[in-house]
Amino acid sequence: MSKRKQHSPEFKAKVALEALKGEQTAAELASRFGVHPTMIHQWKRALLEGASGVFERGSRRKPEVDEAQLQALHAKIGELAVANDFLSRKLKPWGGT
């Protein structure tokens, strides 16, 4: 069985820009770059949808924080810290540091 080929973002952008130029058909680009025409259409659509993000202020959007998930993670960290402390105290009689 063959593995799927992973293309770099730079390669995808290059192919999508060529598709946007419209000088060649998707089939011609597919044979030129060795990819399926469907992939070219997907990369072109992704480029068009994400192009507006290039011009946003602050260059990067701040990640959205889910407060409930954050609280659950803090609780889990607390549980693990207590368990770690308990186990480290119980191992000291056997030479644990």
C-alpha atoms as a PDB file:
ATOM      1  CA  MET A   1       0.000   0.000   0.000  1.00  0.00           C
ATOM      2  CA  SER A   2       1.196   3.493  -0.739  1.00  0.00           C
ATOM      3  CA  LYS A   3       1.203   6.278   1.780  1.00  0.00           C
ATOM      4  CA  ARG A   4      -0.461   9.594   1.109  1.00  0.00           C
ATOM      5  CA  LYS A   5       1.912  12.308   0.099  1.00  0.00           C
ATOM      6  CA  GLN A   6       2.153  15.260   2.466  1.00  0.00           C
ATOM      7  CA  HIS A   7       2.645  18.591   0.720  1.00  0.00           C
ATOM      8  CA  SER A   8       4.189  21.603   2.411  1.00  0.00           C
ATOM      9  CA  PRO A   9       2.139  24.759   2.913  1.00  0.00           C
ATOM     10  CA  GLU A  10       4.513  26.590   0.574  1.00  0.00           C
ATOM     11  CA  PHE A  11       3.838  24.091  -2.207  1.00  0.00           C
ATOM     12  CA  LYS A  12       0.082  24.315  -1.665  1.00  0.00           C
ATOM     13  CA  ALA A  13       0.213  28.118  -1.786  1.00  0.00           C
ATOM     14  CA  LYS A  14       2.277  28.034  -4.966  1.00  0.00           C
ATOM     15  CA  VAL A  15      -0.178  25.695  -6.700  1.00  0.00           C
ATOM     16  CA  ALA A  16      -3.207  27.658  -5.458  1.00  0.00           C
ATOM     17  CA  LEU A  17      -1.734  30.932  -6.720  1.00  0.00           C
ATOM     18  CA  GLU A  18      -1.095  29.364 -10.103  1.00  0.00           C
ATOM     19  CA  ALA A  19      -4.720  28.231 -10.153  1.00  0.00           C
ATOM     20  CA  LEU A  20      -5.890  31.726  -9.260  1.00  0.00           C
ATOM     21  CA  LYS A  21      -3.968  33.193 -12.168  1.00  0.00           C
ATOM     22  CA  GLY A  22      -6.174  31.181 -14.506  1.00  0.00           C
ATOM     23  CA  GLU A  23      -3.498  30.788 -17.174  1.00  0.00           C
ATOM     24  CA  GLN A  24      -3.789  26.994 -17.078  1.00  0.00           C
ATOM     25  CA  THR A  25      -6.660  24.633 -16.348  1.00  0.00           C
ATOM     26  CA  ALA A  26      -6.764  22.556 -13.181  1.00  0.00           C
ATOM     27  CA  ALA A  27      -5.973  19.452 -15.223  1.00  0.00           C
ATOM     28  CA  GLU A  28      -2.886  21.096 -16.720  1.00  0.00           C
ATOM     29  CA  LEU A  29      -1.721  22.244 -13.298  1.00  0.00           C
ATOM     30  CA  ALA A  30      -2.392  18.771 -11.895  1.00  0.00           C
ATOM     31  CA  SER A  31      -0.134  17.136 -14.442  1.00  0.00           C
ATOM     32  CA  ARG A  32       2.488  19.851 -14.027  1.00  0.00           C
ATOM     33  CA  PHE A  33       2.659  19.582 -10.219  1.00  0.00           C
ATOM     34  CA  GLY A  34       1.734  15.902  -9.879  1.00  0.00           C
ATOM     35  CA  VAL A  35      -1.400  16.345  -7.775  1.00  0.00           C
ATOM     36  CA  HIS A  36      -5.075  15.593  -8.320  1.00  0.00           C
ATOM     37  CA  PRO A  37      -7.242  18.415  -9.752  1.00  0.00           C
ATOM     38  CA  THR A  38      -9.593  18.116  -6.778  1.00  0.00           C
ATOM     39  CA  MET A  39      -6.734  19.020  -4.449  1.00  0.00           C
ATOM     40  CA  ILE A  40      -5.986  22.090  -6.535  1.00  0.00           C
ATOM     41  CA  HIS A  41      -9.598  23.222  -6.227  1.00  0.00           C
ATOM     42  CA  GLN A  42      -9.549  22.641  -2.457  1.00  0.00           C
ATOM     43  CA  TRP A  43      -6.289  24.563  -2.010  1.00  0.00           C
ATOM     44  CA  LYS A  44      -7.576  27.400  -4.164  1.00  0.00           C
ATOM     45  CA  ARG A  45     -10.785  27.615  -2.110  1.00  0.00           C
ATOM     46  CA  ALA A  46      -8.803  27.539   1.144  1.00  0.00           C
ATOM     47  CA  LEU A  47      -6.558  30.326  -0.128  1.00  0.00           C
ATOM     48  CA  LEU A  48      -9.519  32.494  -1.060  1.00  0.00           C
ATOM     49  CA  GLU A  49     -11.268  31.875   2.276  1.00  0.00           C
ATOM     50  CA  GLY A  50      -8.158  32.549   4.366  1.00  0.00           C
ATOM     51  CA  ALA A  51      -6.816  35.501   2.408  1.00  0.00           C
ATOM     52  CA  SER A  52      -8.737  38.057   4.469  1.00  0.00           C
ATOM     53  CA  GLY A  53      -6.879  36.900   7.606  1.00  0.00           C
ATOM     54  CA  VAL A  54      -3.637  38.257   6.188  1.00  0.00           C
ATOM     55  CA  PHE A  55      -4.890  41.816   6.513  1.00  0.00           C
ATOM     56  CA  GLU A  56      -6.359  41.587  10.020  1.00  0.00           C
ATOM     57  CA  ARG A  57      -4.937  43.894  12.646  1.00  0.00           C
ATOM     58  CA  GLY A  58      -2.802  42.307  15.315  1.00  0.00           C
ATOM     59  CA  SER A  59      -1.608  39.722  12.793  1.00  0.00           C
ATOM     60  CA  ARG A  60      -2.917  36.840  14.904  1.00  0.00           C
ATOM     61  CA  ARG A  61      -6.328  36.342  16.403  1.00  0.00           C
ATOM     62  CA  LYS A  62      -6.350  35.646  20.091  1.00  0.00           C
ATOM     63  CA  PRO A  63      -7.351  32.059  20.821  1.00  0.00           C
ATOM     64  CA  GLU A  64     -10.788  31.648  22.297  1.00  0.00           C
ATOM     65  CA  VAL A  65     -10.679  30.359  25.868  1.00  0.00           C
ATOM     66  CA  ASP A  66     -13.339  27.947  27.039  1.00  0.00           C
ATOM     67  CA  GLU A  67     -13.722  28.780  30.727  1.00  0.00           C
ATOM     68  CA  ALA A  68     -15.343  25.449  31.627  1.00  0.00           C
ATOM     69  CA  GLN A  69     -12.533  23.500  30.006  1.00  0.00           C
ATOM     70  CA  LEU A  70      -9.957  25.735  31.676  1.00  0.00           C
ATOM     71  CA  GLN A  71     -11.477  25.077  35.109  1.00  0.00           C
ATOM     72  CA  ALA A  72     -11.556  21.334  34.434  1.00  0.00           C
ATOM     73  CA  LEU A  73      -7.890  21.390  33.465  1.00  0.00           C
ATOM     74  CA  HIS A  74      -6.935  23.352  36.584  1.00  0.00           C
ATOM     75  CA  ALA A  75      -8.836  20.835  38.706  1.00  0.00           C
ATOM     76  CA  LYS A  76      -7.020  17.952  37.041  1.00  0.00           C
ATOM     77  CA  ILE A  77      -3.663  19.662  37.622  1.00  0.00           C
ATOM     78  CA  GLY A  78      -4.556  20.010  41.300  1.00  0.00           C
ATOM     79  CA  GLU A  79      -5.487  16.339  41.567  1.00  0.00           C
ATOM     80  CA  LEU A  80      -2.259  15.263  39.909  1.00  0.00           C
ATOM     81  CA  ALA A  81      -0.191  17.550  42.137  1.00  0.00           C
ATOM     82  CA  VAL A  82      -1.796  16.060  45.268  1.00  0.00           C
ATOM     83  CA  ALA A  83      -1.258  12.509  44.005  1.00  0.00           C
ATOM     84  CA  ASN A  84       2.357  13.287  43.109  1.00  0.00           C
ATOM     85  CA  ASP A  85       3.006  14.778  46.551  1.00  0.00           C
ATOM     86  CA  PHE A  86       1.374  11.789  48.274  1.00  0.00           C
ATOM     87  CA  LEU A  87       3.402   9.276  46.284  1.00  0.00           C
ATOM     88  CA  SER A  88       6.672  11.119  46.816  1.00  0.00           C
ATOM     89  CA  ARG A  89       6.084  11.099  50.599  1.00  0.00           C
ATOM     90  CA  LYS A  90       5.259   7.374  50.579  1.00  0.00           C
ATOM     91  CA  LEU A  91       8.385   6.500  48.583  1.00  0.00           C
ATOM     92  CA  LYS A  92      10.825   8.288  50.942  1.00  0.00           C
ATOM     93  CA  PRO A  93      11.138   5.302  53.341  1.00  0.00           C
ATOM     94  CA  TRP A  94      12.380   3.172  50.413  1.00  0.00           C
ATOM     95  CA  GLY A  95      15.124   5.575  49.429  1.00  0.00           C
ATOM     96  CA  GLY A  96      13.151   7.681  46.978  1.00  0.00           C
ATOM     97  CA  THR A  97      14.109  11.332  46.720  1.00  0.00           C
END
